Amino acid sequence: QESDINIDDYSCRWWLSKPVADNLRTQGWDASVWVW
């Protein structure tokens, strides 16, 4: 699913956070798991 995000605005996507943004910037990807 293609998404256009503002990587500096963590409120633009529910899953975007500083660690996710840092991973996208430095390694090009992020894999996250949320336990509910």
PDB file of all heavy atoms in Angstrom:
ATOM      1  N   GLN A   1       0.862  -1.176   0.000  1.00  0.00           N
ATOM      2  CA  GLN A   1       0.000   0.000   0.000  1.00  0.00           C
ATOM      3  C   GLN A   1       0.900   1.228   0.000  1.00  0.00           C
ATOM      4  O   GLN A   1       1.626   1.460   0.964  1.00  0.00           O
ATOM      5  CB  GLN A   1      -0.904   0.017   1.237  1.00  0.00           C
ATOM      6  CG  GLN A   1      -1.858  -1.146   1.307  1.00  0.00           C
ATOM      7  CD  GLN A   1      -2.665  -1.154   2.589  1.00  0.00           C
ATOM      8  OE1 GLN A   1      -2.599  -0.242   3.400  1.00  0.00           O
ATOM      9  NE2 GLN A   1      -3.436  -2.209   2.776  1.00  0.00           N
ATOM     10  N   GLU A   2       0.863   1.987  -1.095  1.00  0.00           N
ATOM     11  CA  GLU A   2       1.705   3.177  -1.185  1.00  0.00           C
ATOM     12  C   GLU A   2       1.137   4.273  -0.305  1.00  0.00           C
ATOM     13  O   GLU A   2      -0.067   4.503  -0.266  1.00  0.00           O
ATOM     14  CB  GLU A   2       1.808   3.664  -2.618  1.00  0.00           C
ATOM     15  CG  GLU A   2       2.832   4.781  -2.772  1.00  0.00           C
ATOM     16  CD  GLU A   2       3.014   5.204  -4.207  1.00  0.00           C
ATOM     17  OE1 GLU A   2       3.456   4.374  -5.012  1.00  0.00           O
ATOM     18  OE2 GLU A   2       2.710   6.377  -4.495  1.00  0.00           O
ATOM     19  N   SER A   3       2.014   4.939   0.413  1.00  0.00           N
ATOM     20  CA  SER A   3       1.605   6.022   1.303  1.00  0.00           C
ATOM     21  C   SER A   3       2.615   7.148   1.176  1.00  0.00           C
ATOM     22  O   SER A   3       3.816   6.911   1.044  1.00  0.00           O
ATOM     23  CB  SER A   3       1.565   5.502   2.746  1.00  0.00           C
ATOM     24  OG  SER A   3       0.993   6.424   3.615  1.00  0.00           O
ATOM     25  N   ASP A   4       2.122   8.364   1.171  1.00  0.00           N
ATOM     26  CA  ASP A   4       2.983   9.542   1.127  1.00  0.00           C
ATOM     27  C   ASP A   4       2.923  10.165   2.518  1.00  0.00           C
ATOM     28  O   ASP A   4       1.856  10.604   2.950  1.00  0.00           O
ATOM     29  CB  ASP A   4       2.487  10.519   0.063  1.00  0.00           C
ATOM     30  CG  ASP A   4       3.529  11.561  -0.300  1.00  0.00           C
ATOM     31  OD1 ASP A   4       4.651  11.501   0.232  1.00  0.00           O
ATOM     32  OD2 ASP A   4       3.210  12.430  -1.119  1.00  0.00           O
ATOM     33  N   ILE A   5       4.047  10.159   3.239  1.00  0.00           N
ATOM     34  CA  ILE A   5       4.058  10.632   4.619  1.00  0.00           C
ATOM     35  C   ILE A   5       4.970  11.837   4.788  1.00  0.00           C
ATOM     36  O   ILE A   5       5.910  12.027   4.028  1.00  0.00           O
ATOM     37  CB  ILE A   5       4.505   9.520   5.597  1.00  0.00           C
ATOM     38  CG1 ILE A   5       5.955   9.087   5.320  1.00  0.00           C
ATOM     39  CG2 ILE A   5       3.556   8.331   5.542  1.00  0.00           C
ATOM     40  CD1 ILE A   5       6.551   8.182   6.375  1.00  0.00           C
ATOM     41  N   ASN A   6       4.659  12.639   5.799  1.00  0.00           N
ATOM     42  CA  ASN A   6       5.568  13.685   6.260  1.00  0.00           C
ATOM     43  C   ASN A   6       6.363  13.051   7.391  1.00  0.00           C
ATOM     44  O   ASN A   6       5.849  12.879   8.496  1.00  0.00           O
ATOM     45  CB  ASN A   6       4.793  14.903   6.747  1.00  0.00           C
ATOM     46  CG  ASN A   6       5.702  15.981   7.291  1.00  0.00           C
ATOM     47  OD1 ASN A   6       6.884  15.756   7.548  1.00  0.00           O
ATOM     48  ND2 ASN A   6       5.153  17.164   7.482  1.00  0.00           N
ATOM     49  N   ILE A   7       7.569  12.672   7.120  1.00  0.00           N
ATOM     50  CA  ILE A   7       8.370  11.906   8.075  1.00  0.00           C
ATOM     51  C   ILE A   7       8.675  12.677   9.359  1.00  0.00           C
ATOM     52  O   ILE A   7       9.037  12.077  10.373  1.00  0.00           O
ATOM     53  CB  ILE A   7       9.651  11.388   7.402  1.00  0.00           C
ATOM     54  CG1 ILE A   7      10.225  10.230   8.196  1.00  0.00           C
ATOM     55  CG2 ILE A   7      10.658  12.496   7.197  1.00  0.00           C
ATOM     56  CD1 ILE A   7      10.965   9.225   7.408  1.00  0.00           C
ATOM     57  N   ASP A   8       8.485  13.982   9.352  1.00  0.00           N
ATOM     58  CA  ASP A   8       8.725  14.791  10.551  1.00  0.00           C
ATOM     59  C   ASP A   8       7.446  15.064  11.341  1.00  0.00           C
ATOM     60  O   ASP A   8       7.501  15.700  12.385  1.00  0.00           O
ATOM     61  CB  ASP A   8       9.384  16.118  10.159  1.00  0.00           C
ATOM     62  CG  ASP A   8      10.751  15.885   9.539  1.00  0.00           C
ATOM     63  OD1 ASP A   8      11.549  15.126  10.132  1.00  0.00           O
ATOM     64  OD2 ASP A   8      11.020  16.433   8.454  1.00  0.00           O
ATOM     65  N   ASP A   9       6.309  14.610  10.846  1.00  0.00           N
ATOM     66  CA  ASP A   9       5.020  14.821  11.526  1.00  0.00           C
ATOM     67  C   ASP A   9       4.484  13.467  11.977  1.00  0.00           C
ATOM     68  O   ASP A   9       3.822  12.766  11.222  1.00  0.00           O
ATOM     69  CB  ASP A   9       4.028  15.498  10.581  1.00  0.00           C
ATOM     70  CG  ASP A   9       2.663  15.710  11.209  1.00  0.00           C
ATOM     71  OD1 ASP A   9       2.506  15.461  12.433  1.00  0.00           O
ATOM     72  OD2 ASP A   9       1.739  16.118  10.486  1.00  0.00           O
ATOM     73  N   TYR A  10       4.788  13.097  13.208  1.00  0.00           N
ATOM     74  CA  TYR A  10       4.430  11.776  13.715  1.00  0.00           C
ATOM     75  C   TYR A  10       2.923  11.573  13.823  1.00  0.00           C
ATOM     76  O   TYR A  10       2.466  10.446  13.954  1.00  0.00           O
ATOM     77  CB  TYR A  10       5.091  11.516  15.063  1.00  0.00           C
ATOM     78  CG  TYR A  10       6.597  11.680  15.044  1.00  0.00           C
ATOM     79  CD1 TYR A  10       7.268  12.234  16.112  1.00  0.00           C
ATOM     80  CD2 TYR A  10       7.356  11.295  13.942  1.00  0.00           C
ATOM     81  CE1 TYR A  10       8.656  12.400  16.096  1.00  0.00           C
ATOM     82  CE2 TYR A  10       8.732  11.459  13.903  1.00  0.00           C
ATOM     83  CZ  TYR A  10       9.366  12.004  14.985  1.00  0.00           C
ATOM     84  OH  TYR A  10      10.723  12.164  14.959  1.00  0.00           O
ATOM     85  N   SER A  11       2.158  12.629  13.717  1.00  0.00           N
ATOM     86  CA  SER A  11       0.703  12.489  13.789  1.00  0.00           C
ATOM     87  C   SER A  11       0.084  12.204  12.414  1.00  0.00           C
ATOM     88  O   SER A  11      -1.112  11.967  12.320  1.00  0.00           O
ATOM     89  CB  SER A  11       0.076  13.744  14.396  1.00  0.00           C
ATOM     90  OG  SER A  11       0.236  14.850  13.531  1.00  0.00           O
ATOM     91  N   CYS A  12       0.896  12.182  11.349  1.00  0.00           N
ATOM     92  CA  CYS A  12       0.329  11.977  10.004  1.00  0.00           C
ATOM     93  C   CYS A  12      -0.096  10.533   9.766  1.00  0.00           C
ATOM     94  O   CYS A  12      -0.934  10.275   8.897  1.00  0.00           O
ATOM     95  CB  CYS A  12       1.273  12.477   8.915  1.00  0.00           C
ATOM     96  SG  CYS A  12       2.644  11.395   8.518  1.00  0.00           S
ATOM     97  N   ARG A  13       0.445   9.588  10.509  1.00  0.00           N
ATOM     98  CA  ARG A  13       0.053   8.174  10.423  1.00  0.00           C
ATOM     99  C   ARG A  13       0.086   7.595  11.833  1.00  0.00           C
ATOM    100  O   ARG A  13       1.001   7.888  12.614  1.00  0.00           O
ATOM    101  CB  ARG A  13       0.994   7.351   9.542  1.00  0.00           C
ATOM    102  CG  ARG A  13       0.999   7.744   8.079  1.00  0.00           C
ATOM    103  CD  ARG A  13      -0.331   7.420   7.402  1.00  0.00           C
ATOM    104  NE  ARG A  13      -0.324   7.701   5.992  1.00  0.00           N
ATOM    105  CZ  ARG A  13      -0.594   8.870   5.450  1.00  0.00           C
ATOM    106  NH1 ARG A  13      -0.859   9.913   6.207  1.00  0.00           N
ATOM    107  NH2 ARG A  13      -0.600   9.028   4.139  1.00  0.00           N
ATOM    108  N   TRP A  14      -0.869   6.731  12.132  1.00  0.00           N
ATOM    109  CA  TRP A  14      -0.937   6.180  13.492  1.00  0.00           C
ATOM    110  C   TRP A  14       0.310   5.378  13.844  1.00  0.00           C
ATOM    111  O   TRP A  14       0.704   5.278  15.003  1.00  0.00           O
ATOM    112  CB  TRP A  14      -2.199   5.321  13.682  1.00  0.00           C
ATOM    113  CG  TRP A  14      -2.216   4.057  12.868  1.00  0.00           C
ATOM    114  CD1 TRP A  14      -2.747   3.897  11.619  1.00  0.00           C
ATOM    115  CD2 TRP A  14      -1.678   2.795  13.238  1.00  0.00           C
ATOM    116  NE1 TRP A  14      -2.565   2.607  11.185  1.00  0.00           N
ATOM    117  CE2 TRP A  14      -1.910   1.890  12.173  1.00  0.00           C
ATOM    118  CE3 TRP A  14      -1.013   2.312  14.374  1.00  0.00           C
ATOM    119  CZ2 TRP A  14      -1.518   0.569  12.203  1.00  0.00           C
ATOM    120  CZ3 TRP A  14      -0.618   0.987  14.401  1.00  0.00           C
ATOM    121  CH2 TRP A  14      -0.874   0.131  13.327  1.00  0.00           C
ATOM    122  N   TRP A  15       0.989   4.836  12.866  1.00  0.00           N
ATOM    123  CA  TRP A  15       2.128   3.974  13.109  1.00  0.00           C
ATOM    124  C   TRP A  15       3.478   4.709  13.097  1.00  0.00           C
ATOM    125  O   TRP A  15       4.511   4.119  13.424  1.00  0.00           O
ATOM    126  CB  TRP A  15       2.171   2.844  12.072  1.00  0.00           C
ATOM    127  CG  TRP A  15       2.023   3.310  10.651  1.00  0.00           C
ATOM    128  CD1 TRP A  15       0.864   3.361   9.932  1.00  0.00           C
ATOM    129  CD2 TRP A  15       3.048   3.793   9.778  1.00  0.00           C
ATOM    130  NE1 TRP A  15       1.106   3.843   8.663  1.00  0.00           N
ATOM    131  CE2 TRP A  15       2.448   4.110   8.543  1.00  0.00           C
ATOM    132  CE3 TRP A  15       4.424   3.976   9.917  1.00  0.00           C
ATOM    133  CZ2 TRP A  15       3.167   4.607   7.465  1.00  0.00           C
ATOM    134  CZ3 TRP A  15       5.145   4.471   8.839  1.00  0.00           C
ATOM    135  CH2 TRP A  15       4.511   4.776   7.640  1.00  0.00           C
ATOM    136  N   LEU A  16       3.470   5.986  12.732  1.00  0.00           N
ATOM    137  CA  LEU A  16       4.726   6.727  12.602  1.00  0.00           C
ATOM    138  C   LEU A  16       5.179   7.267  13.950  1.00  0.00           C
ATOM    139  O   LEU A  16       4.420   7.904  14.670  1.00  0.00           O
ATOM    140  CB  LEU A  16       4.555   7.871  11.595  1.00  0.00           C
ATOM    141  CG  LEU A  16       5.827   8.629  11.224  1.00  0.00           C
ATOM    142  CD1 LEU A  16       6.875   7.704  10.627  1.00  0.00           C
ATOM    143  CD2 LEU A  16       5.504   9.758  10.261  1.00  0.00           C
ATOM    144  N   SER A  17       6.422   6.996  14.278  1.00  0.00           N
ATOM    145  CA  SER A  17       7.039   7.476  15.518  1.00  0.00           C
ATOM    146  C   SER A  17       8.497   7.838  15.209  1.00  0.00           C
ATOM    147  O   SER A  17       8.984   7.566  14.104  1.00  0.00           O
ATOM    148  CB  SER A  17       6.989   6.385  16.596  1.00  0.00           C
ATOM    149  OG  SER A  17       7.768   5.269  16.183  1.00  0.00           O
ATOM    150  N   LYS A  18       9.175   8.407  16.174  1.00  0.00           N
ATOM    151  CA  LYS A  18      10.574   8.774  15.955  1.00  0.00           C
ATOM    152  C   LYS A  18      11.434   7.559  15.591  1.00  0.00           C
ATOM    153  O   LYS A  18      12.204   7.619  14.628  1.00  0.00           O
ATOM    154  CB  LYS A  18      11.149   9.503  17.163  1.00  0.00           C
ATOM    155  CG  LYS A  18      12.593   9.956  16.936  1.00  0.00           C
ATOM    156  CD  LYS A  18      13.122  10.806  18.048  1.00  0.00           C
ATOM    157  CE  LYS A  18      14.528  11.299  17.877  1.00  0.00           C
ATOM    158  NZ  LYS A  18      15.338  10.858  16.785  1.00  0.00           N
ATOM    159  N   PRO A  19      11.318   6.433  16.317  1.00  0.00           N
ATOM    160  CA  PRO A  19      12.136   5.269  15.925  1.00  0.00           C
ATOM    161  C   PRO A  19      11.830   4.769  14.509  1.00  0.00           C
ATOM    162  O   PRO A  19      12.748   4.387  13.778  1.00  0.00           O
ATOM    163  CB  PRO A  19      11.785   4.210  16.970  1.00  0.00           C
ATOM    164  CG  PRO A  19      11.296   4.979  18.154  1.00  0.00           C
ATOM    165  CD  PRO A  19      10.610   6.186  17.586  1.00  0.00           C
ATOM    166  N   VAL A  20      10.561   4.765  14.116  1.00  0.00           N
ATOM    167  CA  VAL A  20      10.196   4.333  12.759  1.00  0.00           C
ATOM    168  C   VAL A  20      10.793   5.299  11.736  1.00  0.00           C
ATOM    169  O   VAL A  20      11.396   4.882  10.743  1.00  0.00           O
ATOM    170  CB  VAL A  20       8.663   4.227  12.602  1.00  0.00           C
ATOM    171  CG1 VAL A  20       8.277   3.981  11.141  1.00  0.00           C
ATOM    172  CG2 VAL A  20       8.100   3.126  13.498  1.00  0.00           C
ATOM    173  N   ALA A  21      10.641   6.598  11.974  1.00  0.00           N
ATOM    174  CA  ALA A  21      11.182   7.611  11.060  1.00  0.00           C
ATOM    175  C   ALA A  21      12.699   7.479  10.953  1.00  0.00           C
ATOM    176  O   ALA A  21      13.256   7.553   9.850  1.00  0.00           O
ATOM    177  CB  ALA A  21      10.790   9.010  11.531  1.00  0.00           C
ATOM    178  N   ASP A  22      13.363   7.274  12.085  1.00  0.00           N
ATOM    179  CA  ASP A  22      14.824   7.113  12.066  1.00  0.00           C
ATOM    180  C   ASP A  22      15.231   5.896  11.241  1.00  0.00           C
ATOM    181  O   ASP A  22      16.183   5.965  10.457  1.00  0.00           O
ATOM    182  CB  ASP A  22      15.369   6.987  13.491  1.00  0.00           C
ATOM    183  CG  ASP A  22      15.295   8.289  14.279  1.00  0.00           C
ATOM    184  OD1 ASP A  22      15.070   9.358  13.668  1.00  0.00           O
ATOM    185  OD2 ASP A  22      15.454   8.230  15.512  1.00  0.00           O
ATOM    186  N   ASN A  23      14.509   4.786  11.396  1.00  0.00           N
ATOM    187  CA  ASN A  23      14.825   3.585  10.614  1.00  0.00           C
ATOM    188  C   ASN A  23      14.599   3.814   9.121  1.00  0.00           C
ATOM    189  O   ASN A  23      15.402   3.378   8.299  1.00  0.00           O
ATOM    190  CB  ASN A  23      13.992   2.396  11.090  1.00  0.00           C
ATOM    191  CG  ASN A  23      14.473   1.850  12.411  1.00  0.00           C
ATOM    192  OD1 ASN A  23      15.604   2.080  12.816  1.00  0.00           O
ATOM    193  ND2 ASN A  23      13.612   1.123  13.097  1.00  0.00           N
ATOM    194  N   LEU A  24      13.504   4.475   8.771  1.00  0.00           N
ATOM    195  CA  LEU A  24      13.241   4.764   7.361  1.00  0.00           C
ATOM    196  C   LEU A  24      14.350   5.628   6.767  1.00  0.00           C
ATOM    197  O   LEU A  24      14.773   5.422   5.631  1.00  0.00           O
ATOM    198  CB  LEU A  24      11.882   5.432   7.191  1.00  0.00           C
ATOM    199  CG  LEU A  24      10.670   4.522   7.384  1.00  0.00           C
ATOM    200  CD1 LEU A  24       9.394   5.347   7.468  1.00  0.00           C
ATOM    201  CD2 LEU A  24      10.581   3.494   6.258  1.00  0.00           C
ATOM    202  N   ARG A  25      14.808   6.597   7.540  1.00  0.00           N
ATOM    203  CA  ARG A  25      15.874   7.484   7.060  1.00  0.00           C
ATOM    204  C   ARG A  25      17.212   6.764   6.925  1.00  0.00           C
ATOM    205  O   ARG A  25      17.954   6.989   5.974  1.00  0.00           O
ATOM    206  CB  ARG A  25      16.053   8.660   8.023  1.00  0.00           C
ATOM    207  CG  ARG A  25      15.039   9.739   7.889  1.00  0.00           C
ATOM    208  CD  ARG A  25      15.433  10.926   8.797  1.00  0.00           C
ATOM    209  NE  ARG A  25      14.431  11.950   8.762  1.00  0.00           N
ATOM    210  CZ  ARG A  25      13.589  12.231   9.756  1.00  0.00           C
ATOM    211  NH1 ARG A  25      13.641  11.552  10.886  1.00  0.00           N
ATOM    212  NH2 ARG A  25      12.703  13.190   9.639  1.00  0.00           N
ATOM    213  N   THR A  26      17.565   5.937   7.919  1.00  0.00           N
ATOM    214  CA  THR A  26      18.913   5.362   7.963  1.00  0.00           C
ATOM    215  C   THR A  26      19.049   4.028   7.253  1.00  0.00           C
ATOM    216  O   THR A  26      20.073   3.770   6.626  1.00  0.00           O
ATOM    217  CB  THR A  26      19.387   5.197   9.420  1.00  0.00           C
ATOM    218  OG1 THR A  26      18.496   4.320  10.108  1.00  0.00           O
ATOM    219  CG2 THR A  26      19.464   6.537  10.122  1.00  0.00           C
ATOM    220  N   GLN A  27      18.019   3.161   7.334  1.00  0.00           N
ATOM    221  CA  GLN A  27      18.163   1.850   6.695  1.00  0.00           C
ATOM    222  C   GLN A  27      17.185   1.623   5.554  1.00  0.00           C
ATOM    223  O   GLN A  27      17.292   0.634   4.834  1.00  0.00           O
ATOM    224  CB  GLN A  27      18.066   0.721   7.716  1.00  0.00           C
ATOM    225  CG  GLN A  27      16.735   0.568   8.387  1.00  0.00           C
ATOM    226  CD  GLN A  27      16.770  -0.472   9.505  1.00  0.00           C
ATOM    227  OE1 GLN A  27      17.843  -0.823  10.018  1.00  0.00           O
ATOM    228  NE2 GLN A  27      15.619  -0.972   9.881  1.00  0.00           N
ATOM    229  N   GLY A  28      16.206   2.524   5.414  1.00  0.00           N
ATOM    230  CA  GLY A  28      15.274   2.422   4.297  1.00  0.00           C
ATOM    231  C   GLY A  28      14.035   1.599   4.578  1.00  0.00           C
ATOM    232  O   GLY A  28      13.169   1.473   3.721  1.00  0.00           O
ATOM    233  N   TRP A  29      13.917   1.028   5.785  1.00  0.00           N
ATOM    234  CA  TRP A  29      12.746   0.231   6.125  1.00  0.00           C
ATOM    235  C   TRP A  29      12.579   0.150   7.642  1.00  0.00           C
ATOM    236  O   TRP A  29      13.503   0.429   8.396  1.00  0.00           O
ATOM    237  CB  TRP A  29      12.841  -1.172   5.536  1.00  0.00           C
ATOM    238  CG  TRP A  29      14.033  -1.974   6.021  1.00  0.00           C
ATOM    239  CD1 TRP A  29      15.285  -1.964   5.495  1.00  0.00           C
ATOM    240  CD2 TRP A  29      14.069  -2.870   7.132  1.00  0.00           C
ATOM    241  NE1 TRP A  29      16.111  -2.793   6.197  1.00  0.00           N
ATOM    242  CE2 TRP A  29      15.385  -3.368   7.216  1.00  0.00           C
ATOM    243  CE3 TRP A  29      13.132  -3.294   8.062  1.00  0.00           C
ATOM    244  CZ2 TRP A  29      15.781  -4.278   8.187  1.00  0.00           C
ATOM    245  CZ3 TRP A  29      13.525  -4.201   9.032  1.00  0.00           C
ATOM    246  CH2 TRP A  29      14.837  -4.683   9.087  1.00  0.00           C
ATOM    247  N   ASP A  30      11.382  -0.238   8.058  1.00  0.00           N
ATOM    248  CA  ASP A  30      11.102  -0.490   9.471  1.00  0.00           C
ATOM    249  C   ASP A  30      10.061  -1.600   9.556  1.00  0.00           C
ATOM    250  O   ASP A  30       9.111  -1.628   8.774  1.00  0.00           O
ATOM    251  CB  ASP A  30      10.554   0.765  10.168  1.00  0.00           C
ATOM    252  CG  ASP A  30      10.263   0.491  11.635  1.00  0.00           C
ATOM    253  OD1 ASP A  30      11.223   0.508  12.433  1.00  0.00           O
ATOM    254  OD2 ASP A  30       9.089   0.233  11.972  1.00  0.00           O
ATOM    255  N   ALA A  31      10.247  -2.502  10.495  1.00  0.00           N
ATOM    256  CA  ALA A  31       9.278  -3.565  10.761  1.00  0.00           C
ATOM    257  C   ALA A  31       8.833  -3.417  12.205  1.00  0.00           C
ATOM    258  O   ALA A  31       9.657  -3.454  13.122  1.00  0.00           O
ATOM    259  CB  ALA A  31       9.901  -4.933  10.526  1.00  0.00           C
ATOM    260  N   SER A  32       7.526  -3.222  12.404  1.00  0.00           N
ATOM    261  CA  SER A  32       6.986  -2.994  13.744  1.00  0.00           C
ATOM    262  C   SER A  32       5.913  -4.011  14.072  1.00  0.00           C
ATOM    263  O   SER A  32       5.219  -4.519  13.187  1.00  0.00           O
ATOM    264  CB  SER A  32       6.371  -1.593  13.842  1.00  0.00           C
ATOM    265  OG  SER A  32       7.334  -0.605  13.559  1.00  0.00           O
ATOM    266  N   VAL A  33       5.769  -4.290  15.372  1.00  0.00           N
ATOM    267  CA  VAL A  33       4.713  -5.160  15.884  1.00  0.00           C
ATOM    268  C   VAL A  33       4.049  -4.434  17.039  1.00  0.00           C
ATOM    269  O   VAL A  33       4.715  -3.886  17.911  1.00  0.00           O
ATOM    270  CB  VAL A  33       5.289  -6.502  16.397  1.00  0.00           C
ATOM    271  CG1 VAL A  33       4.184  -7.367  17.002  1.00  0.00           C
ATOM    272  CG2 VAL A  33       6.008  -7.242  15.298  1.00  0.00           C
ATOM    273  N   TRP A  34       2.707  -4.420  17.020  1.00  0.00           N
ATOM    274  CA  TRP A  34       1.951  -3.836  18.126  1.00  0.00           C
ATOM    275  C   TRP A  34       1.152  -4.937  18.796  1.00  0.00           C
ATOM    276  O   TRP A  34       0.380  -5.643  18.159  1.00  0.00           O
ATOM    277  CB  TRP A  34       0.982  -2.753  17.609  1.00  0.00           C
ATOM    278  CG  TRP A  34       1.707  -1.555  17.131  1.00  0.00           C
ATOM    279  CD1 TRP A  34       2.076  -0.460  17.853  1.00  0.00           C
ATOM    280  CD2 TRP A  34       2.158  -1.295  15.802  1.00  0.00           C
ATOM    281  NE1 TRP A  34       2.746   0.432  17.057  1.00  0.00           N
ATOM    282  CE2 TRP A  34       2.814  -0.059  15.797  1.00  0.00           C
ATOM    283  CE3 TRP A  34       2.092  -2.036  14.614  1.00  0.00           C
ATOM    284  CZ2 TRP A  34       3.374   0.489  14.665  1.00  0.00           C
ATOM    285  CZ3 TRP A  34       2.660  -1.499  13.483  1.00  0.00           C
ATOM    286  CH2 TRP A  34       3.293  -0.256  13.513  1.00  0.00           C
ATOM    287  N   VAL A  35       1.364  -5.087  20.098  1.00  0.00           N
ATOM    288  CA  VAL A  35       0.664  -6.092  20.883  1.00  0.00           C
ATOM    289  C   VAL A  35      -0.518  -5.410  21.552  1.00  0.00           C
ATOM    290  O   VAL A  35      -0.361  -4.438  22.293  1.00  0.00           O
ATOM    291  CB  VAL A  35       1.594  -6.712  21.941  1.00  0.00           C
ATOM    292  CG1 VAL A  35       0.852  -7.740  22.788  1.00  0.00           C
ATOM    293  CG2 VAL A  35       2.802  -7.337  21.262  1.00  0.00           C
ATOM    294  N   TRP A  36      -1.722  -5.911  21.271  1.00  0.00           N
ATOM    295  CA  TRP A  36      -2.954  -5.356  21.844  1.00  0.00           C
ATOM    296  C   TRP A  36      -3.468  -6.308  22.898  1.00  0.00           C
ATOM    297  O   TRP A  36      -3.643  -7.498  22.651  1.00  0.00           O
ATOM    298  CB  TRP A  36      -4.017  -5.147  20.782  1.00  0.00           C
ATOM    299  CG  TRP A  36      -3.566  -4.313  19.626  1.00  0.00           C
ATOM    300  CD1 TRP A  36      -3.348  -4.735  18.359  1.00  0.00           C
ATOM    301  CD2 TRP A  36      -3.252  -2.923  19.630  1.00  0.00           C
ATOM    302  NE1 TRP A  36      -2.929  -3.694  17.573  1.00  0.00           N
ATOM    303  CE2 TRP A  36      -2.861  -2.565  18.329  1.00  0.00           C
ATOM    304  CE3 TRP A  36      -3.269  -1.935  20.617  1.00  0.00           C
ATOM    305  CZ2 TRP A  36      -2.496  -1.276  17.983  1.00  0.00           C
ATOM    306  CZ3 TRP A  36      -2.905  -0.647  20.252  1.00  0.00           C
ATOM    307  CH2 TRP A  36      -2.535  -0.330  18.964  1.00  0.00           C
TER     308      TRP A  36
END
